[in-house]
PDB file of all heavy atoms in Angstrom:
ATOM      1  N   ASP A   1     -32.230 -17.184 -13.190  1.00  0.00           N
ATOM      2  CA  ASP A   1     -32.307 -17.628 -14.573  1.00  0.00           C
ATOM      3  C   ASP A   1     -31.465 -18.894 -14.716  1.00  0.00           C
ATOM      4  O   ASP A   1     -30.235 -18.851 -14.697  1.00  0.00           O
ATOM      5  CB  ASP A   1     -31.783 -16.534 -15.501  1.00  0.00           C
ATOM      6  CG  ASP A   1     -31.895 -16.926 -16.974  1.00  0.00           C
ATOM      7  OD1 ASP A   1     -32.318 -18.065 -17.255  1.00  0.00           O
ATOM      8  OD2 ASP A   1     -31.547 -16.093 -17.831  1.00  0.00           O
ATOM      9  N   LEU A   2     -32.138 -20.041 -14.835  1.00  0.00           N
ATOM     10  CA  LEU A   2     -31.449 -21.325 -14.950  1.00  0.00           C
ATOM     11  C   LEU A   2     -31.455 -21.841 -16.384  1.00  0.00           C
ATOM     12  O   LEU A   2     -31.246 -23.027 -16.619  1.00  0.00           O
ATOM     13  CB  LEU A   2     -32.103 -22.366 -14.041  1.00  0.00           C
ATOM     14  CG  LEU A   2     -32.181 -22.059 -12.548  1.00  0.00           C
ATOM     15  CD1 LEU A   2     -32.743 -23.260 -11.786  1.00  0.00           C
ATOM     16  CD2 LEU A   2     -30.825 -21.666 -11.994  1.00  0.00           C
ATOM     17  N   SER A   3     -31.681 -20.958 -17.347  1.00  0.00           N
ATOM     18  CA  SER A   3     -31.784 -21.402 -18.735  1.00  0.00           C
ATOM     19  C   SER A   3     -30.451 -21.891 -19.280  1.00  0.00           C
ATOM     20  O   SER A   3     -30.427 -22.671 -20.243  1.00  0.00           O
ATOM     21  CB  SER A   3     -32.345 -20.281 -19.610  1.00  0.00           C
ATOM     22  OG  SER A   3     -31.563 -19.108 -19.492  1.00  0.00           O
ATOM     23  N   THR A   4     -29.342 -21.432 -18.708  1.00  0.00           N
ATOM     24  CA  THR A   4     -28.025 -21.918 -19.124  1.00  0.00           C
ATOM     25  C   THR A   4     -27.225 -22.310 -17.887  1.00  0.00           C
ATOM     26  O   THR A   4     -27.440 -21.789 -16.788  1.00  0.00           O
ATOM     27  CB  THR A   4     -27.242 -20.857 -19.910  1.00  0.00           C
ATOM     28  OG1 THR A   4     -27.092 -19.674 -19.096  1.00  0.00           O
ATOM     29  CG2 THR A   4     -27.956 -20.498 -21.199  1.00  0.00           C
ATOM     30  N   TYR A   5     -26.278 -23.216 -18.083  1.00  0.00           N
ATOM     31  CA  TYR A   5     -25.444 -23.709 -16.986  1.00  0.00           C
ATOM     32  C   TYR A   5     -24.500 -22.629 -16.492  1.00  0.00           C
ATOM     33  O   TYR A   5     -23.892 -21.900 -17.280  1.00  0.00           O
ATOM     34  CB  TYR A   5     -24.634 -24.919 -17.467  1.00  0.00           C
ATOM     35  CG  TYR A   5     -23.609 -25.428 -16.492  1.00  0.00           C
ATOM     36  CD1 TYR A   5     -23.984 -26.029 -15.296  1.00  0.00           C
ATOM     37  CD2 TYR A   5     -22.249 -25.318 -16.777  1.00  0.00           C
ATOM     38  CE1 TYR A   5     -23.041 -26.516 -14.400  1.00  0.00           C
ATOM     39  CE2 TYR A   5     -21.292 -25.804 -15.901  1.00  0.00           C
ATOM     40  CZ  TYR A   5     -21.688 -26.400 -14.716  1.00  0.00           C
ATOM     41  OH  TYR A   5     -20.743 -26.880 -13.837  1.00  0.00           O
ATOM     42  N   SER A   6     -24.368 -22.525 -15.189  1.00  0.00           N
ATOM     43  CA  SER A   6     -23.490 -21.534 -14.569  1.00  0.00           C
ATOM     44  C   SER A   6     -22.508 -22.228 -13.636  1.00  0.00           C
ATOM     45  O   SER A   6     -22.918 -22.897 -12.689  1.00  0.00           O
ATOM     46  CB  SER A   6     -24.316 -20.510 -13.784  1.00  0.00           C
ATOM     47  OG  SER A   6     -23.509 -19.752 -12.907  1.00  0.00           O
ATOM     48  N   GLU A   7     -21.213 -22.081 -13.912  1.00  0.00           N
ATOM     49  CA  GLU A   7     -20.203 -22.671 -13.039  1.00  0.00           C
ATOM     50  C   GLU A   7     -20.262 -22.062 -11.639  1.00  0.00           C
ATOM     51  O   GLU A   7     -20.149 -22.777 -10.643  1.00  0.00           O
ATOM     52  CB  GLU A   7     -18.810 -22.473 -13.637  1.00  0.00           C
ATOM     53  CG  GLU A   7     -18.554 -23.267 -14.897  1.00  0.00           C
ATOM     54  CD  GLU A   7     -17.133 -23.089 -15.410  1.00  0.00           C
ATOM     55  OE1 GLU A   7     -16.205 -23.106 -14.566  1.00  0.00           O
ATOM     56  OE2 GLU A   7     -16.954 -22.934 -16.628  1.00  0.00           O
ATOM     57  N   SER A   8     -20.434 -20.748 -11.574  1.00  0.00           N
ATOM     58  CA  SER A   8     -20.454 -20.097 -10.261  1.00  0.00           C
ATOM     59  C   SER A   8     -21.657 -20.555  -9.447  1.00  0.00           C
ATOM     60  O   SER A   8     -21.551 -20.797  -8.238  1.00  0.00           O
ATOM     61  CB  SER A   8     -20.467 -18.573 -10.425  1.00  0.00           C
ATOM     62  OG  SER A   8     -21.616 -18.147 -11.147  1.00  0.00           O
ATOM     63  N   ARG A   9     -22.809 -20.685 -10.084  1.00  0.00           N
ATOM     64  CA  ARG A   9     -23.995 -21.165  -9.373  1.00  0.00           C
ATOM     65  C   ARG A   9     -23.812 -22.621  -8.951  1.00  0.00           C
ATOM     66  O   ARG A   9     -24.235 -23.032  -7.867  1.00  0.00           O
ATOM     67  CB  ARG A   9     -25.236 -21.027 -10.242  1.00  0.00           C
ATOM     68  CG  ARG A   9     -26.525 -21.464  -9.526  1.00  0.00           C
ATOM     69  CD  ARG A   9     -27.735 -21.391 -10.422  1.00  0.00           C
ATOM     70  NE  ARG A   9     -27.970 -20.033 -10.892  1.00  0.00           N
ATOM     71  CZ  ARG A   9     -27.858 -19.628 -12.142  1.00  0.00           C
ATOM     72  NH1 ARG A   9     -27.512 -20.504 -13.079  1.00  0.00           N
ATOM     73  NH2 ARG A   9     -28.073 -18.383 -12.479  1.00  0.00           N
ATOM     74  N   CYS A  10     -23.165 -23.396  -9.812  1.00  0.00           N
ATOM     75  CA  CYS A  10     -22.929 -24.801  -9.486  1.00  0.00           C
ATOM     76  C   CYS A  10     -22.069 -24.921  -8.230  1.00  0.00           C
ATOM     77  O   CYS A  10     -22.341 -25.741  -7.351  1.00  0.00           O
ATOM     78  CB  CYS A  10     -22.262 -25.500 -10.672  1.00  0.00           C
ATOM     79  SG  CYS A  10     -22.399 -27.296 -10.637  1.00  0.00           S
ATOM     80  N   ARG A  11     -21.032 -24.101  -8.132  1.00  0.00           N
ATOM     81  CA  ARG A  11     -20.191 -24.117  -6.928  1.00  0.00           C
ATOM     82  C   ARG A  11     -20.982 -23.634  -5.705  1.00  0.00           C
ATOM     83  O   ARG A  11     -20.871 -24.200  -4.613  1.00  0.00           O
ATOM     84  CB  ARG A  11     -18.968 -23.234  -7.136  1.00  0.00           C
ATOM     85  CG  ARG A  11     -17.930 -23.834  -8.052  1.00  0.00           C
ATOM     86  CD  ARG A  11     -16.603 -23.125  -7.887  1.00  0.00           C
ATOM     87  NE  ARG A  11     -15.632 -23.591  -8.856  1.00  0.00           N
ATOM     88  CZ  ARG A  11     -14.942 -24.712  -8.739  1.00  0.00           C
ATOM     89  NH1 ARG A  11     -15.149 -25.494  -7.709  1.00  0.00           N
ATOM     90  NH2 ARG A  11     -14.068 -25.055  -9.670  1.00  0.00           N
ATOM     91  N   GLU A  12     -21.764 -22.575  -5.889  1.00  0.00           N
ATOM     92  CA  GLU A  12     -22.527 -22.019  -4.771  1.00  0.00           C
ATOM     93  C   GLU A  12     -23.520 -23.037  -4.228  1.00  0.00           C
ATOM     94  O   GLU A  12     -23.587 -23.279  -3.023  1.00  0.00           O
ATOM     95  CB  GLU A  12     -23.259 -20.759  -5.216  1.00  0.00           C
ATOM     96  CG  GLU A  12     -24.095 -20.120  -4.116  1.00  0.00           C
ATOM     97  CD  GLU A  12     -24.890 -18.924  -4.598  1.00  0.00           C
ATOM     98  OE1 GLU A  12     -24.646 -18.469  -5.732  1.00  0.00           O
ATOM     99  OE2 GLU A  12     -25.783 -18.462  -3.852  1.00  0.00           O
ATOM    100  N   TRP A  13     -24.295 -23.642  -5.123  1.00  0.00           N
ATOM    101  CA  TRP A  13     -25.278 -24.632  -4.672  1.00  0.00           C
ATOM    102  C   TRP A  13     -24.584 -25.895  -4.177  1.00  0.00           C
ATOM    103  O   TRP A  13     -25.104 -26.589  -3.307  1.00  0.00           O
ATOM    104  CB  TRP A  13     -26.256 -24.947  -5.798  1.00  0.00           C
ATOM    105  CG  TRP A  13     -27.187 -23.812  -6.117  1.00  0.00           C
ATOM    106  CD1 TRP A  13     -27.061 -22.507  -5.731  1.00  0.00           C
ATOM    107  CD2 TRP A  13     -28.386 -23.875  -6.898  1.00  0.00           C
ATOM    108  NE1 TRP A  13     -28.103 -21.747  -6.219  1.00  0.00           N
ATOM    109  CE2 TRP A  13     -28.927 -22.557  -6.936  1.00  0.00           C
ATOM    110  CE3 TRP A  13     -29.039 -24.888  -7.575  1.00  0.00           C
ATOM    111  CZ2 TRP A  13     -30.097 -22.252  -7.621  1.00  0.00           C
ATOM    112  CZ3 TRP A  13     -30.211 -24.592  -8.267  1.00  0.00           C
ATOM    113  CH2 TRP A  13     -30.731 -23.291  -8.279  1.00  0.00           C
ATOM    114  N   GLY A  14     -23.410 -26.180  -4.735  1.00  0.00           N
ATOM    115  CA  GLY A  14     -22.642 -27.327  -4.251  1.00  0.00           C
ATOM    116  C   GLY A  14     -22.162 -27.132  -2.833  1.00  0.00           C
ATOM    117  O   GLY A  14     -21.978 -28.108  -2.090  1.00  0.00           O
ATOM    118  N   ASP A  15     -21.968 -25.889  -2.431  1.00  0.00           N
ATOM    119  CA  ASP A  15     -21.547 -25.581  -1.058  1.00  0.00           C
ATOM    120  C   ASP A  15     -22.732 -25.447  -0.103  1.00  0.00           C
ATOM    121  O   ASP A  15     -22.668 -25.888   1.042  1.00  0.00           O
ATOM    122  CB  ASP A  15     -20.739 -24.282  -1.024  1.00  0.00           C
ATOM    123  CG  ASP A  15     -19.367 -24.427  -1.665  1.00  0.00           C
ATOM    124  OD1 ASP A  15     -18.881 -25.578  -1.767  1.00  0.00           O
ATOM    125  OD2 ASP A  15     -18.790 -23.404  -2.068  1.00  0.00           O
ATOM    126  N   ARG A  16     -23.829 -24.839  -0.581  1.00  0.00           N
ATOM    127  CA  ARG A  16     -24.934 -24.483   0.314  1.00  0.00           C
ATOM    128  C   ARG A  16     -26.193 -25.324   0.127  1.00  0.00           C
ATOM    129  O   ARG A  16     -27.109 -25.253   0.943  1.00  0.00           O
ATOM    130  CB  ARG A  16     -25.283 -23.010   0.110  1.00  0.00           C
ATOM    131  CG  ARG A  16     -24.117 -22.063   0.349  1.00  0.00           C
ATOM    132  CD  ARG A  16     -24.518 -20.620   0.103  1.00  0.00           C
ATOM    133  NE  ARG A  16     -23.396 -19.710   0.241  1.00  0.00           N
ATOM    134  CZ  ARG A  16     -23.459 -18.396   0.057  1.00  0.00           C
ATOM    135  NH1 ARG A  16     -24.621 -17.847  -0.298  1.00  0.00           N
ATOM    136  NH2 ARG A  16     -22.392 -17.632   0.197  1.00  0.00           N
ATOM    137  N   GLY A  17     -26.254 -26.069  -0.973  1.00  0.00           N
ATOM    138  CA  GLY A  17     -27.456 -26.833  -1.255  1.00  0.00           C
ATOM    139  C   GLY A  17     -28.416 -26.068  -2.150  1.00  0.00           C
ATOM    140  O   GLY A  17     -28.197 -24.908  -2.503  1.00  0.00           O
ATOM    141  N   VAL A  18     -29.497 -26.717  -2.522  1.00  0.00           N
ATOM    142  CA  VAL A  18     -30.486 -26.128  -3.417  1.00  0.00           C
ATOM    143  C   VAL A  18     -31.354 -25.143  -2.637  1.00  0.00           C
ATOM    144  O   VAL A  18     -31.922 -25.502  -1.600  1.00  0.00           O
ATOM    145  CB  VAL A  18     -31.375 -27.227  -4.038  1.00  0.00           C
ATOM    146  CG1 VAL A  18     -32.391 -26.622  -4.993  1.00  0.00           C
ATOM    147  CG2 VAL A  18     -30.506 -28.265  -4.752  1.00  0.00           C
ATOM    148  N   PRO A  19     -31.470 -23.893  -3.092  1.00  0.00           N
ATOM    149  CA  PRO A  19     -32.325 -22.927  -2.387  1.00  0.00           C
ATOM    150  C   PRO A  19     -33.752 -23.434  -2.259  1.00  0.00           C
ATOM    151  O   PRO A  19     -34.261 -24.143  -3.134  1.00  0.00           O
ATOM    152  CB  PRO A  19     -32.248 -21.686  -3.290  1.00  0.00           C
ATOM    153  CG  PRO A  19     -30.946 -21.821  -4.015  1.00  0.00           C
ATOM    154  CD  PRO A  19     -30.769 -23.290  -4.247  1.00  0.00           C
ATOM    155  N   ALA A  20     -34.405 -23.049  -1.182  1.00  0.00           N
ATOM    156  CA  ALA A  20     -35.752 -23.549  -0.869  1.00  0.00           C
ATOM    157  C   ALA A  20     -36.744 -23.402  -2.018  1.00  0.00           C
ATOM    158  O   ALA A  20     -37.516 -24.335  -2.296  1.00  0.00           O
ATOM    159  CB  ALA A  20     -36.278 -22.863   0.393  1.00  0.00           C
ATOM    160  N   PRO A  21     -36.786 -22.255  -2.735  1.00  0.00           N
ATOM    161  CA  PRO A  21     -37.757 -22.140  -3.825  1.00  0.00           C
ATOM    162  C   PRO A  21     -37.565 -23.195  -4.907  1.00  0.00           C
ATOM    163  O   PRO A  21     -38.534 -23.653  -5.520  1.00  0.00           O
ATOM    164  CB  PRO A  21     -37.507 -20.728  -4.373  1.00  0.00           C
ATOM    165  CG  PRO A  21     -36.876 -19.980  -3.249  1.00  0.00           C
ATOM    166  CD  PRO A  21     -36.040 -20.989  -2.528  1.00  0.00           C
ATOM    167  N   PHE A  22     -36.321 -23.604  -5.122  1.00  0.00           N
ATOM    168  CA  PHE A  22     -36.062 -24.592  -6.168  1.00  0.00           C
ATOM    169  C   PHE A  22     -36.251 -26.022  -5.659  1.00  0.00           C
ATOM    170  O   PHE A  22     -36.460 -26.934  -6.460  1.00  0.00           O
ATOM    171  CB  PHE A  22     -34.679 -24.378  -6.754  1.00  0.00           C
ATOM    172  CG  PHE A  22     -34.583 -23.093  -7.540  1.00  0.00           C
ATOM    173  CD1 PHE A  22     -33.947 -21.989  -7.003  1.00  0.00           C
ATOM    174  CD2 PHE A  22     -35.176 -22.985  -8.790  1.00  0.00           C
ATOM    175  CE1 PHE A  22     -33.887 -20.799  -7.704  1.00  0.00           C
ATOM    176  CE2 PHE A  22     -35.112 -21.803  -9.506  1.00  0.00           C
ATOM    177  CZ  PHE A  22     -34.477 -20.704  -8.965  1.00  0.00           C
ATOM    178  N   GLU A  23     -36.179 -26.225  -4.365  1.00  0.00           N
ATOM    179  CA  GLU A  23     -36.596 -27.515  -3.824  1.00  0.00           C
ATOM    180  C   GLU A  23     -38.084 -27.726  -4.090  1.00  0.00           C
ATOM    181  O   GLU A  23     -38.525 -28.842  -4.406  1.00  0.00           O
ATOM    182  CB  GLU A  23     -36.320 -27.591  -2.315  1.00  0.00           C
ATOM    183  CG  GLU A  23     -34.874 -27.878  -1.952  1.00  0.00           C
ATOM    184  CD  GLU A  23     -34.729 -28.212  -0.473  1.00  0.00           C
ATOM    185  OE1 GLU A  23     -35.754 -28.283   0.230  1.00  0.00           O
ATOM    186  OE2 GLU A  23     -33.584 -28.407  -0.031  1.00  0.00           O
ATOM    187  N   VAL A  24     -38.859 -26.656  -3.970  1.00  0.00           N
ATOM    188  CA  VAL A  24     -40.295 -26.739  -4.266  1.00  0.00           C
ATOM    189  C   VAL A  24     -40.515 -27.102  -5.727  1.00  0.00           C
ATOM    190  O   VAL A  24     -41.347 -27.960  -6.060  1.00  0.00           O
ATOM    191  CB  VAL A  24     -40.995 -25.402  -3.928  1.00  0.00           C
ATOM    192  CG1 VAL A  24     -42.450 -25.440  -4.364  1.00  0.00           C
ATOM    193  CG2 VAL A  24     -40.891 -25.109  -2.435  1.00  0.00           C
ATOM    194  N   VAL A  25     -39.762 -26.473  -6.624  1.00  0.00           N
ATOM    195  CA  VAL A  25     -39.874 -26.783  -8.051  1.00  0.00           C
ATOM    196  C   VAL A  25     -39.481 -28.236  -8.306  1.00  0.00           C
ATOM    197  O   VAL A  25     -40.168 -28.960  -9.044  1.00  0.00           O
ATOM    198  CB  VAL A  25     -38.971 -25.843  -8.878  1.00  0.00           C
ATOM    199  CG1 VAL A  25     -38.952 -26.275 -10.350  1.00  0.00           C
ATOM    200  CG2 VAL A  25     -39.443 -24.397  -8.761  1.00  0.00           C
ATOM    201  N   ALA A  26     -38.391 -28.678  -7.703  1.00  0.00           N
ATOM    202  CA  ALA A  26     -37.890 -30.033  -7.943  1.00  0.00           C
ATOM    203  C   ALA A  26     -38.929 -31.094  -7.603  1.00  0.00           C
ATOM    204  O   ALA A  26     -39.047 -32.109  -8.298  1.00  0.00           O
ATOM    205  CB  ALA A  26     -36.620 -30.267  -7.135  1.00  0.00           C
ATOM    206  N   ARG A  27     -39.690 -30.856  -6.554  1.00  0.00           N
ATOM    207  CA  ARG A  27     -40.668 -31.858  -6.117  1.00  0.00           C
ATOM    208  C   ARG A  27     -41.790 -32.063  -7.136  1.00  0.00           C
ATOM    209  O   ARG A  27     -42.525 -33.052  -7.062  1.00  0.00           O
ATOM    210  CB  ARG A  27     -41.231 -31.468  -4.753  1.00  0.00           C
ATOM    211  CG  ARG A  27     -40.184 -31.545  -3.643  1.00  0.00           C
ATOM    212  CD  ARG A  27     -40.782 -31.293  -2.268  1.00  0.00           C
ATOM    213  NE  ARG A  27     -39.760 -31.148  -1.246  1.00  0.00           N
ATOM    214  CZ  ARG A  27     -39.107 -32.161  -0.670  1.00  0.00           C
ATOM    215  NH1 ARG A  27     -39.400 -33.400  -1.046  1.00  0.00           N
ATOM    216  NH2 ARG A  27     -38.193 -31.940   0.248  1.00  0.00           N
ATOM    217  N   GLU A  28     -41.904 -31.151  -8.093  1.00  0.00           N
ATOM    218  CA  GLU A  28     -42.898 -31.329  -9.149  1.00  0.00           C
ATOM    219  C   GLU A  28     -42.398 -32.253 -10.256  1.00  0.00           C
ATOM    220  O   GLU A  28     -43.176 -32.684 -11.108  1.00  0.00           O
ATOM    221  CB  GLU A  28     -43.263 -29.974  -9.755  1.00  0.00           C
ATOM    222  CG  GLU A  28     -43.897 -28.995  -8.767  1.00  0.00           C
ATOM    223  CD  GLU A  28     -44.221 -27.660  -9.420  1.00  0.00           C
ATOM    224  OE1 GLU A  28     -44.397 -27.644 -10.668  1.00  0.00           O
ATOM    225  OE2 GLU A  28     -44.290 -26.654  -8.704  1.00  0.00           O
ATOM    226  N   TYR A  29     -41.098 -32.569 -10.249  1.00  0.00           N
ATOM    227  CA  TYR A  29     -40.497 -33.368 -11.317  1.00  0.00           C
ATOM    228  C   TYR A  29     -39.625 -34.483 -10.745  1.00  0.00           C
ATOM    229  O   TYR A  29     -38.423 -34.536 -10.986  1.00  0.00           O
ATOM    230  CB  TYR A  29     -39.665 -32.469 -12.242  1.00  0.00           C
ATOM    231  CG  TYR A  29     -40.448 -31.324 -12.827  1.00  0.00           C
ATOM    232  CD1 TYR A  29     -40.475 -30.076 -12.182  1.00  0.00           C
ATOM    233  CD2 TYR A  29     -41.182 -31.477 -13.993  1.00  0.00           C
ATOM    234  CE1 TYR A  29     -41.201 -29.030 -12.714  1.00  0.00           C
ATOM    235  CE2 TYR A  29     -41.911 -30.432 -14.526  1.00  0.00           C
ATOM    236  CZ  TYR A  29     -41.923 -29.215 -13.876  1.00  0.00           C
ATOM    237  OH  TYR A  29     -42.651 -28.178 -14.395  1.00  0.00           O
ATOM    238  N   PRO A  30     -40.220 -35.391  -9.985  1.00  0.00           N
ATOM    239  CA  PRO A  30     -39.406 -36.465  -9.389  1.00  0.00           C
ATOM    240  C   PRO A  30     -39.149 -37.603 -10.377  1.00  0.00           C
ATOM    241  O   PRO A  30     -39.961 -37.897 -11.254  1.00  0.00           O
ATOM    242  CB  PRO A  30     -40.293 -36.950  -8.244  1.00  0.00           C
ATOM    243  CG  PRO A  30     -41.686 -36.750  -8.761  1.00  0.00           C
ATOM    244  CD  PRO A  30     -41.632 -35.475  -9.586  1.00  0.00           C
ATOM    245  N   VAL A  31     -38.003 -38.226 -10.246  1.00  0.00           N
ATOM    246  CA  VAL A  31     -37.756 -39.518 -10.886  1.00  0.00           C
ATOM    247  C   VAL A  31     -38.408 -40.569 -10.003  1.00  0.00           C
ATOM    248  O   VAL A  31     -38.172 -40.601  -8.794  1.00  0.00           O
ATOM    249  CB  VAL A  31     -36.249 -39.781 -11.026  1.00  0.00           C
ATOM    250  CG1 VAL A  31     -35.989 -41.195 -11.533  1.00  0.00           C
ATOM    251  CG2 VAL A  31     -35.620 -38.752 -11.967  1.00  0.00           C
ATOM    252  N   LYS A  32     -39.230 -41.429 -10.578  1.00  0.00           N
ATOM    253  CA  LYS A  32     -40.046 -42.319  -9.747  1.00  0.00           C
ATOM    254  C   LYS A  32     -39.221 -43.371  -9.022  1.00  0.00           C
ATOM    255  O   LYS A  32     -39.530 -43.736  -7.880  1.00  0.00           O
ATOM    256  CB  LYS A  32     -41.124 -42.983 -10.614  1.00  0.00           C
ATOM    257  CG  LYS A  32     -42.202 -42.010 -11.080  1.00  0.00           C
ATOM    258  CD  LYS A  32     -43.303 -42.722 -11.842  1.00  0.00           C
ATOM    259  CE  LYS A  32     -44.401 -41.743 -12.256  1.00  0.00           C
ATOM    260  NZ  LYS A  32     -45.479 -42.427 -13.011  1.00  0.00           N
ATOM    261  N   SER A  33     -38.192 -43.886  -9.665  1.00  0.00           N
ATOM    262  CA  SER A  33     -37.388 -44.920  -8.998  1.00  0.00           C
ATOM    263  C   SER A  33     -36.052 -45.068  -9.699  1.00  0.00           C
ATOM    264  O   SER A  33     -35.907 -44.693 -10.867  1.00  0.00           O
ATOM    265  CB  SER A  33     -38.124 -46.266  -8.984  1.00  0.00           C
ATOM    266  OG  SER A  33     -38.314 -46.737 -10.313  1.00  0.00           O
ATOM    267  N   THR A  34     -35.091 -45.610  -8.986  1.00  0.00           N
ATOM    268  CA  THR A  34     -33.798 -45.953  -9.560  1.00  0.00           C
ATOM    269  C   THR A  34     -33.423 -47.354  -9.095  1.00  0.00           C
ATOM    270  O   THR A  34     -33.951 -47.858  -8.101  1.00  0.00           O
ATOM    271  CB  THR A  34     -32.683 -44.973  -9.112  1.00  0.00           C
ATOM    272  OG1 THR A  34     -32.576 -45.022  -7.679  1.00  0.00           O
ATOM    273  CG2 THR A  34     -32.989 -43.559  -9.556  1.00  0.00           C
ATOM    274  N   ALA A  35     -32.522 -47.985  -9.811  1.00  0.00           N
ATOM    275  CA  ALA A  35     -32.030 -49.309  -9.429  1.00  0.00           C
ATOM    276  C   ALA A  35     -30.599 -49.447  -9.919  1.00  0.00           C
ATOM    277  O   ALA A  35     -30.211 -48.831 -10.918  1.00  0.00           O
ATOM    278  CB  ALA A  35     -32.901 -50.411 -10.030  1.00  0.00           C
TER     279      ALA A  35
END
């Protein structure tokens, strides 16, 4: 449940990275470019 910000989850993902299922979700919402 990512509906609210979680400090514990933020630390966990900050240590281990984004879990594979959510990498799949992220790829559906890319930022096209930065400068």
